[in-house]
PDB file of N, CA and C in Angstrom:
ATOM      1  N   MET A   1      67.268  91.040 109.713  1.00  0.00           N
ATOM      2  CA  MET A   1      68.468  91.805 109.920  1.00  0.00           C
ATOM      3  C   MET A   1      69.637  91.045 109.285  1.00  0.00           C
ATOM      4  N   LYS A   2      70.469  91.757 108.544  1.00  0.00           N
ATOM      5  CA  LYS A   2      71.666  91.191 107.948  1.00  0.00           C
ATOM      6  C   LYS A   2      72.879  91.865 108.567  1.00  0.00           C
ATOM      7  N   ILE A   3      73.936  91.089 108.780  1.00  0.00           N
ATOM      8  CA  ILE A   3      75.121  91.584 109.465  1.00  0.00           C
ATOM      9  C   ILE A   3      76.341  91.487 108.568  1.00  0.00           C
ATOM     10  N   VAL A   4      77.170  92.531 108.590  1.00  0.00           N
ATOM     11  CA  VAL A   4      78.427  92.577 107.848  1.00  0.00           C
ATOM     12  C   VAL A   4      79.562  92.574 108.863  1.00  0.00           C
ATOM     13  N   ILE A   5      80.579  91.748 108.607  1.00  0.00           N
ATOM     14  CA  ILE A   5      81.746  91.671 109.480  1.00  0.00           C
ATOM     15  C   ILE A   5      82.960  92.135 108.693  1.00  0.00           C
ATOM     16  N   ALA A   6      83.779  92.977 109.303  1.00  0.00           N
ATOM     17  CA  ALA A   6      85.048  93.401 108.704  1.00  0.00           C
ATOM     18  C   ALA A   6      86.152  93.127 109.713  1.00  0.00           C
ATOM     19  N   ALA A   7      87.145  92.335 109.293  1.00  0.00           N
ATOM     20  CA  ALA A   7      88.253  91.992 110.186  1.00  0.00           C
ATOM     21  C   ALA A   7      89.555  92.024 109.403  1.00  0.00           C
ATOM     22  N   GLY A   8      90.512  92.779 109.919  1.00  0.00           N
ATOM     23  CA  GLY A   8      91.815  92.887 109.276  1.00  0.00           C
ATOM     24  C   GLY A   8      92.664  91.643 109.437  1.00  0.00           C
ATOM     25  N   GLY A   9      92.240  90.715 110.270  1.00  0.00           N
ATOM     26  CA  GLY A   9      92.919  89.442 110.471  1.00  0.00           C
ATOM     27  C   GLY A   9      91.884  88.382 110.774  1.00  0.00           C
ATOM     28  N   ARG A  10      92.357  87.187 111.005  1.00  0.00           N
ATOM     29  CA  ARG A  10      91.427  86.079 111.223  1.00  0.00           C
ATOM     30  C   ARG A  10      90.721  86.186 112.572  1.00  0.00           C
ATOM     31  N   PHE A  11      91.475  86.374 113.637  1.00  0.00           N
ATOM     32  CA  PHE A  11      90.950  86.487 115.002  1.00  0.00           C
ATOM     33  C   PHE A  11      89.801  85.501 115.213  1.00  0.00           C
ATOM     34  N   HIS A  12      88.702  85.976 115.708  1.00  0.00           N
ATOM     35  CA  HIS A  12      87.523  85.133 115.913  1.00  0.00           C
ATOM     36  C   HIS A  12      86.469  85.403 114.842  1.00  0.00           C
ATOM     37  N   ALA A  13      86.803  86.193 113.841  1.00  0.00           N
ATOM     38  CA  ALA A  13      85.830  86.601 112.823  1.00  0.00           C
ATOM     39  C   ALA A  13      85.275  85.416 112.041  1.00  0.00           C
ATOM     40  N   LEU A  14      86.107  84.411 111.772  1.00  0.00           N
ATOM     41  CA  LEU A  14      85.622  83.247 111.029  1.00  0.00           C
ATOM     42  C   LEU A  14      84.587  82.468 111.831  1.00  0.00           C
ATOM     43  N   HIS A  15      84.821  82.323 113.109  1.00  0.00           N
ATOM     44  CA  HIS A  15      83.850  81.599 113.948  1.00  0.00           C
ATOM     45  C   HIS A  15      82.547  82.384 114.065  1.00  0.00           C
ATOM     46  N   LEU A  16      82.667  83.686 114.223  1.00  0.00           N
ATOM     47  CA  LEU A  16      81.477  84.531 114.290  1.00  0.00           C
ATOM     48  C   LEU A  16      80.696  84.457 112.982  1.00  0.00           C
ATOM     49  N   ALA A  17      81.402  84.574 111.858  1.00  0.00           N
ATOM     50  CA  ALA A  17      80.744  84.511 110.547  1.00  0.00           C
ATOM     51  C   ALA A  17      80.085  83.152 110.329  1.00  0.00           C
ATOM     52  N   HIS A  18      80.740  82.093 110.755  1.00  0.00           N
ATOM     53  CA  HIS A  18      80.177  80.749 110.608  1.00  0.00           C
ATOM     54  C   HIS A  18      78.847  80.636 111.352  1.00  0.00           C
ATOM     55  N   GLN A  19      78.811  81.121 112.578  1.00  0.00           N
ATOM     56  CA  GLN A  19      77.576  81.049 113.368  1.00  0.00           C
ATOM     57  C   GLN A  19      76.484  81.940 112.777  1.00  0.00           C
ATOM     58  N   LEU A  20      76.864  83.116 112.306  1.00  0.00           N
ATOM     59  CA  LEU A  20      75.866  84.004 111.690  1.00  0.00           C
ATOM     60  C   LEU A  20      75.338  83.420 110.387  1.00  0.00           C
ATOM     61  N   GLU A  21      76.217  82.763 109.626  1.00  0.00           N
ATOM     62  CA  GLU A  21      75.775  82.112 108.385  1.00  0.00           C
ATOM     63  C   GLU A  21      74.797  80.989 108.685  1.00  0.00           C
ATOM     64  N   LYS A  22      75.076  80.195 109.721  1.00  0.00           N
ATOM     65  CA  LYS A  22      74.167  79.106 110.106  1.00  0.00           C
ATOM     66  C   LYS A  22      72.787  79.637 110.459  1.00  0.00           C
ATOM     67  N   ARG A  23      72.736  80.839 111.010  1.00  0.00           N
ATOM     68  CA  ARG A  23      71.461  81.425 111.420  1.00  0.00           C
ATOM     69  C   ARG A  23      70.813  82.267 110.319  1.00  0.00           C
ATOM     70  N   GLY A  24      71.500  82.375 109.182  1.00  0.00           N
ATOM     71  CA  GLY A  24      70.929  83.074 108.033  1.00  0.00           C
ATOM     72  C   GLY A  24      70.958  84.584 108.107  1.00  0.00           C
ATOM     73  N   VAL A  25      71.841  85.148 108.919  1.00  0.00           N
ATOM     74  CA  VAL A  25      71.875  86.604 109.051  1.00  0.00           C
ATOM     75  C   VAL A  25      73.181  87.231 108.553  1.00  0.00           C
ATOM     76  N   LEU A  26      74.117  86.414 108.048  1.00  0.00           N
ATOM     77  CA  LEU A  26      75.374  86.955 107.540  1.00  0.00           C
ATOM     78  C   LEU A  26      75.153  87.539 106.155  1.00  0.00           C
ATOM     79  N   SER A  27      75.540  88.790 105.990  1.00  0.00           N
ATOM     80  CA  SER A  27      75.441  89.444 104.696  1.00  0.00           C
ATOM     81  C   SER A  27      76.774  89.361 103.950  1.00  0.00           C
ATOM     82  N   LYS A  28      77.864  89.717 104.631  1.00  0.00           N
ATOM     83  CA  LYS A  28      79.181  89.728 103.998  1.00  0.00           C
ATOM     84  C   LYS A  28      80.263  89.661 105.063  1.00  0.00           C
ATOM     85  N   LEU A  29      81.367  89.035 104.718  1.00  0.00           N
ATOM     86  CA  LEU A  29      82.551  88.980 105.572  1.00  0.00           C
ATOM     87  C   LEU A  29      83.724  89.558 104.788  1.00  0.00           C
ATOM     88  N   PHE A  30      84.229  90.687 105.237  1.00  0.00           N
ATOM     89  CA  PHE A  30      85.414  91.305 104.655  1.00  0.00           C
ATOM     90  C   PHE A  30      86.585  90.928 105.551  1.00  0.00           C
ATOM     91  N   ILE A  31      87.586  90.243 104.986  1.00  0.00           N
ATOM     92  CA  ILE A  31      88.632  89.684 105.837  1.00  0.00           C
ATOM     93  C   ILE A  31      89.963  89.613 105.102  1.00  0.00           C
ATOM     94  N   SER A  32      91.019  89.642 105.868  1.00  0.00           N
ATOM     95  CA  SER A  32      92.356  89.312 105.374  1.00  0.00           C
ATOM     96  C   SER A  32      92.709  87.956 105.953  1.00  0.00           C
ATOM     97  N   GLY A  33      93.104  87.061 105.115  1.00  0.00           N
ATOM     98  CA  GLY A  33      93.536  85.765 105.621  1.00  0.00           C
ATOM     99  C   GLY A  33      92.553  84.641 105.430  1.00  0.00           C
ATOM    100  N   TYR A  34      91.613  84.778 104.540  1.00  0.00           N
ATOM    101  CA  TYR A  34      90.673  83.694 104.230  1.00  0.00           C
ATOM    102  C   TYR A  34      91.393  82.734 103.285  1.00  0.00           C
ATOM    103  N   GLY A  35      91.582  81.489 103.718  1.00  0.00           N
ATOM    104  CA  GLY A  35      92.338  80.522 102.935  1.00  0.00           C
ATOM    105  C   GLY A  35      91.468  79.431 102.334  1.00  0.00           C
ATOM    106  N   LYS A  36      92.115  78.540 101.610  1.00  0.00           N
ATOM    107  CA  LYS A  36      91.410  77.438 100.945  1.00  0.00           C
ATOM    108  C   LYS A  36      90.720  76.523 101.942  1.00  0.00           C
ATOM    109  N   SER A  37      91.339  76.322 103.078  1.00  0.00           N
ATOM    110  CA  SER A  37      90.746  75.429 104.081  1.00  0.00           C
ATOM    111  C   SER A  37      89.490  76.023 104.709  1.00  0.00           C
ATOM    112  N   ASP A  38      89.329  77.330 104.618  1.00  0.00           N
ATOM    113  CA  ASP A  38      88.158  77.989 105.203  1.00  0.00           C
ATOM    114  C   ASP A  38      86.916  77.869 104.323  1.00  0.00           C
ATOM    115  N   LYS A  39      87.081  77.452 103.082  1.00  0.00           N
ATOM    116  CA  LYS A  39      85.938  77.354 102.169  1.00  0.00           C
ATOM    117  C   LYS A  39      84.923  76.322 102.635  1.00  0.00           C
ATOM    118  N   ASN A  40      85.383  75.322 103.364  1.00  0.00           N
ATOM    119  CA  ASN A  40      84.455  74.327 103.901  1.00  0.00           C
ATOM    120  C   ASN A  40      83.744  74.844 105.145  1.00  0.00           C
ATOM    121  N   TYR A  41      84.294  75.880 105.731  1.00  0.00           N
ATOM    122  CA  TYR A  41      83.755  76.430 106.981  1.00  0.00           C
ATOM    123  C   TYR A  41      82.744  77.542 106.730  1.00  0.00           C
ATOM    124  N   ILE A  42      83.049  78.405 105.750  1.00  0.00           N
ATOM    125  CA  ILE A  42      82.171  79.523 105.404  1.00  0.00           C
ATOM    126  C   ILE A  42      82.015  79.549 103.893  1.00  0.00           C
ATOM    127  N   ASN A  43      80.813  79.702 103.437  1.00  0.00           N
ATOM    128  CA  ASN A  43      80.522  79.761 102.012  1.00  0.00           C
ATOM    129  C   ASN A  43      81.270  80.935 101.368  1.00  0.00           C
ATOM    130  N   PRO A  44      82.058  80.675 100.319  1.00  0.00           N
ATOM    131  CA  PRO A  44      82.826  81.753  99.673  1.00  0.00           C
ATOM    132  C   PRO A  44      81.962  82.869  99.099  1.00  0.00           C
ATOM    133  N   ASN A  45      80.688  82.630  98.883  1.00  0.00           N
ATOM    134  CA  ASN A  45      79.803  83.680  98.363  1.00  0.00           C
ATOM    135  C   ASN A  45      79.635  84.832  99.351  1.00  0.00           C
ATOM    136  N   PHE A  46      79.853  84.560 100.621  1.00  0.00           N
ATOM    137  CA  PHE A  46      79.723  85.590 101.651  1.00  0.00           C
ATOM    138  C   PHE A  46      81.030  86.338 101.903  1.00  0.00           C
ATOM    139  N   VAL A  47      82.129  85.868 101.317  1.00  0.00           N
ATOM    140  CA  VAL A  47      83.457  86.362 101.684  1.00  0.00           C
ATOM    141  C   VAL A  47      84.027  87.276 100.613  1.00  0.00           C
ATOM    142  N   CYS A  48      84.571  88.385 101.069  1.00  0.00           N
ATOM    143  CA  CYS A  48      85.353  89.280 100.227  1.00  0.00           C
ATOM    144  C   CYS A  48      86.736  89.340 100.868  1.00  0.00           C
ATOM    145  N   ASN A  49      87.716  88.718 100.224  1.00  0.00           N
ATOM    146  CA  ASN A  49      89.033  88.512 100.815  1.00  0.00           C
ATOM    147  C   ASN A  49      90.051  89.509 100.282  1.00  0.00           C
ATOM    148  N   ASN A  50      90.922  89.950 101.165  1.00  0.00           N
ATOM    149  CA  ASN A  50      92.018  90.838 100.805  1.00  0.00           C
ATOM    150  C   ASN A  50      93.311  90.144 101.223  1.00  0.00           C
ATOM    151  N   ASN A  51      94.030  89.573 100.267  1.00  0.00           N
ATOM    152  CA  ASN A  51      95.268  88.876 100.577  1.00  0.00           C
ATOM    153  C   ASN A  51      96.475  89.791 100.577  1.00  0.00           C
ATOM    154  N   PHE A  52      96.284  91.053 100.256  1.00  0.00           N
ATOM    155  CA  PHE A  52      97.412  91.971 100.170  1.00  0.00           C
ATOM    156  C   PHE A  52      98.171  92.061 101.488  1.00  0.00           C
ATOM    157  N   ASN A  53      97.446  92.086 102.598  1.00  0.00           N
ATOM    158  CA  ASN A  53      98.105  92.152 103.907  1.00  0.00           C
ATOM    159  C   ASN A  53      98.931  90.899 104.183  1.00  0.00           C
ATOM    160  N   ASN A  54      98.482  89.756 103.690  1.00  0.00           N
ATOM    161  CA  ASN A  54      99.253  88.528 103.863  1.00  0.00           C
ATOM    162  C   ASN A  54     100.570  88.602 103.089  1.00  0.00           C
ATOM    163  N   TYR A  55     100.520  89.173 101.896  1.00  0.00           N
ATOM    164  CA  TYR A  55     101.747  89.349 101.114  1.00  0.00           C
ATOM    165  C   TYR A  55     102.697  90.322 101.810  1.00  0.00           C
ATOM    166  N   LEU A  56     102.145  91.372 102.390  1.00  0.00           N
ATOM    167  CA  LEU A  56     102.983  92.310 103.141  1.00  0.00           C
ATOM    168  C   LEU A  56     103.670  91.620 104.316  1.00  0.00           C
ATOM    169  N   ASP A  57     102.927  90.798 105.041  1.00  0.00           N
ATOM    170  CA  ASP A  57     103.515  90.065 106.162  1.00  0.00           C
ATOM    171  C   ASP A  57     104.640  89.147 105.696  1.00  0.00           C
ATOM    172  N   TYR A  58     104.422  88.497 104.572  1.00  0.00           N
ATOM    173  CA  TYR A  58     105.440  87.600 104.025  1.00  0.00           C
ATOM    174  C   TYR A  58     106.723  88.363 103.700  1.00  0.00           C
ATOM    175  N   PHE A  59     106.585  89.474 102.974  1.00  0.00           N
ATOM    176  CA  PHE A  59     107.766  90.254 102.603  1.00  0.00           C
ATOM    177  C   PHE A  59     108.422  90.906 103.819  1.00  0.00           C
ATOM    178  N   PHE A  60     107.614  91.310 104.774  1.00  0.00           N
ATOM    179  CA  PHE A  60     108.139  91.927 105.995  1.00  0.00           C
ATOM    180  C   PHE A  60     109.058  90.949 106.737  1.00  0.00           C
ATOM    181  N   SER A  61     108.628  89.690 106.821  1.00  0.00           N
ATOM    182  CA  SER A  61     109.445  88.697 107.525  1.00  0.00           C
ATOM    183  C   SER A  61     110.561  88.141 106.643  1.00  0.00           C
ATOM    184  N   LYS A  62     110.276  87.925 105.370  1.00  0.00           N
ATOM    185  CA  LYS A  62     111.259  87.326 104.456  1.00  0.00           C
ATOM    186  C   LYS A  62     112.493  88.204 104.283  1.00  0.00           C
ATOM    187  N   PHE A  63     112.277  89.488 104.100  1.00  0.00           N
ATOM    188  CA  PHE A  63     113.383  90.401 103.837  1.00  0.00           C
ATOM    189  C   PHE A  63     113.841  91.158 105.087  1.00  0.00           C
ATOM    190  N   LYS A  64     113.333  90.712 106.245  1.00  0.00           N
ATOM    191  CA  LYS A  64     113.740  91.280 107.535  1.00  0.00           C
ATOM    192  C   LYS A  64     113.659  92.811 107.554  1.00  0.00           C
ATOM    193  N   ILE A  65     112.524  93.287 107.103  1.00  0.00           N
ATOM    194  CA  ILE A  65     112.287  94.730 107.040  1.00  0.00           C
ATOM    195  C   ILE A  65     112.181  95.330 108.440  1.00  0.00           C
ATOM    196  N   ASN A  66     111.906  94.473 109.426  1.00  0.00           N
ATOM    197  CA  ASN A  66     111.778  94.985 110.795  1.00  0.00           C
ATOM    198  C   ASN A  66     113.079  95.618 111.305  1.00  0.00           C
ATOM    199  N   LYS A  67     114.190  95.379 110.618  1.00  0.00           N
ATOM    200  CA  LYS A  67     115.444  96.045 110.984  1.00  0.00           C
ATOM    201  C   LYS A  67     115.401  97.529 110.632  1.00  0.00           C
ATOM    202  N   PHE A  68     114.564  97.872 109.654  1.00  0.00           N
ATOM    203  CA  PHE A  68     114.517  99.240 109.150  1.00  0.00           C
ATOM    204  C   PHE A  68     113.241  99.984 109.524  1.00  0.00           C
ATOM    205  N   VAL A  69     112.181  99.232 109.809  1.00  0.00           N
ATOM    206  CA  VAL A  69     110.876  99.840 110.080  1.00  0.00           C
ATOM    207  C   VAL A  69     110.396  99.396 111.462  1.00  0.00           C
ATOM    208  N   ASN A  70     109.933 100.335 112.234  1.00  0.00           N
ATOM    209  CA  ASN A  70     109.358 100.040 113.539  1.00  0.00           C
ATOM    210  C   ASN A  70     108.109  99.180 113.349  1.00  0.00           C
ATOM    211  N   LYS A  71     107.971  98.097 114.133  1.00  0.00           N
ATOM    212  CA  LYS A  71     106.825  97.197 113.976  1.00  0.00           C
ATOM    213  C   LYS A  71     105.494  97.899 114.170  1.00  0.00           C
ATOM    214  N   SER A  72     105.416  98.789 115.136  1.00  0.00           N
ATOM    215  CA  SER A  72     104.142  99.471 115.381  1.00  0.00           C
ATOM    216  C   SER A  72     103.767 100.349 114.191  1.00  0.00           C
ATOM    217  N   ASN A  73     104.737 100.995 113.562  1.00  0.00           N
ATOM    218  CA  ASN A  73     104.459 101.786 112.359  1.00  0.00           C
ATOM    219  C   ASN A  73     103.998 100.892 111.216  1.00  0.00           C
ATOM    220  N   TYR A  74     104.599  99.719 111.123  1.00  0.00           N
ATOM    221  CA  TYR A  74     104.201  98.764 110.086  1.00  0.00           C
ATOM    222  C   TYR A  74     102.747  98.328 110.276  1.00  0.00           C
ATOM    223  N   TYR A  75     102.373  98.017 111.508  1.00  0.00           N
ATOM    224  CA  TYR A  75     101.001  97.578 111.771  1.00  0.00           C
ATOM    225  C   TYR A  75      99.986  98.692 111.521  1.00  0.00           C
ATOM    226  N   VAL A  76     100.343  99.905 111.843  1.00  0.00           N
ATOM    227  CA  VAL A  76      99.456 101.039 111.552  1.00  0.00           C
ATOM    228  C   VAL A  76      99.289 101.177 110.037  1.00  0.00           C
ATOM    229  N   PHE A  77     100.389 101.061 109.305  1.00  0.00           N
ATOM    230  CA  PHE A  77     100.337 101.132 107.844  1.00  0.00           C
ATOM    231  C   PHE A  77      99.450 100.029 107.274  1.00  0.00           C
ATOM    232  N   LYS A  78      99.640  98.803 107.770  1.00  0.00           N
ATOM    233  CA  LYS A  78      98.862  97.667 107.288  1.00  0.00           C
ATOM    234  C   LYS A  78      97.373  97.837 107.606  1.00  0.00           C
ATOM    235  N   ASP A  79      97.060  98.315 108.799  1.00  0.00           N
ATOM    236  CA  ASP A  79      95.661  98.559 109.176  1.00  0.00           C
ATOM    237  C   ASP A  79      95.038  99.645 108.303  1.00  0.00           C
ATOM    238  N   ASN A  80      95.806 100.676 108.014  1.00  0.00           N
ATOM    239  CA  ASN A  80      95.299 101.746 107.145  1.00  0.00           C
ATOM    240  C   ASN A  80      95.049 101.247 105.732  1.00  0.00           C
ATOM    241  N   LEU A  81      95.897 100.352 105.241  1.00  0.00           N
ATOM    242  CA  LEU A  81      95.667  99.756 103.924  1.00  0.00           C
ATOM    243  C   LEU A  81      94.375  98.946 103.901  1.00  0.00           C
ATOM    244  N   PHE A  82      94.138  98.184 104.963  1.00  0.00           N
ATOM    245  CA  PHE A  82      92.902  97.414 105.041  1.00  0.00           C
ATOM    246  C   PHE A  82      91.693  98.344 105.082  1.00  0.00           C
ATOM    247  N   ASP A  83      91.783  99.411 105.857  1.00  0.00           N
ATOM    248  CA  ASP A  83      90.687 100.381 105.935  1.00  0.00           C
ATOM    249  C   ASP A  83      90.421 101.032 104.588  1.00  0.00           C
ATOM    250  N   TYR A  84      91.482 101.354 103.864  1.00  0.00           N
ATOM    251  CA  TYR A  84      91.335 101.950 102.529  1.00  0.00           C
ATOM    252  C   TYR A  84      90.644 100.970 101.591  1.00  0.00           C
ATOM    253  N   TRP A  85      91.085  99.703 101.614  1.00  0.00           N
ATOM    254  CA  TRP A  85      90.479  98.675 100.769  1.00  0.00           C
ATOM    255  C   TRP A  85      89.000  98.496 101.133  1.00  0.00           C
ATOM    256  N   LEU A  86      88.713  98.476 102.419  1.00  0.00           N
ATOM    257  CA  LEU A  86      87.341  98.297 102.883  1.00  0.00           C
ATOM    258  C   LEU A  86      86.467  99.467 102.443  1.00  0.00           C
ATOM    259  N   ASN A  87      87.010 100.651 102.492  1.00  0.00           N
ATOM    260  CA  ASN A  87      86.284 101.844 102.050  1.00  0.00           C
ATOM    261  C   ASN A  87      85.919 101.754 100.572  1.00  0.00           C
ATOM    262  N   LYS A  88      86.796 101.166  99.768  1.00  0.00           N
ATOM    263  CA  LYS A  88      86.545 101.036  98.327  1.00  0.00           C
ATOM    264  C   LYS A  88      85.496  99.965  98.028  1.00  0.00           C
ATOM    265  N   GLN A  89      85.281  99.063  98.969  1.00  0.00           N
ATOM    266  CA  GLN A  89      84.292  98.004  98.762  1.00  0.00           C
ATOM    267  C   GLN A  89      82.905  98.575  98.987  1.00  0.00           C
TER     268      GLN A  89
END
């Protein structure tokens, strides 16, 4: 059995993927937020990373967009973008 993990953020997905990789059942990890320091933790061959959401978070905080956009609407938009990207994979 092979397992695929999809996570719009880091949460506990990296730890789960690490344990599944150790047991030889990880097929793929689709994630936002996989960084350089994580390469020692999970083999990059298993990872499909989407940094677009990280860039959105940066611009959202940098330009104080929260003054103009409701945070909950922003998170729904960001989640939908991740779902769209995941669908294309």
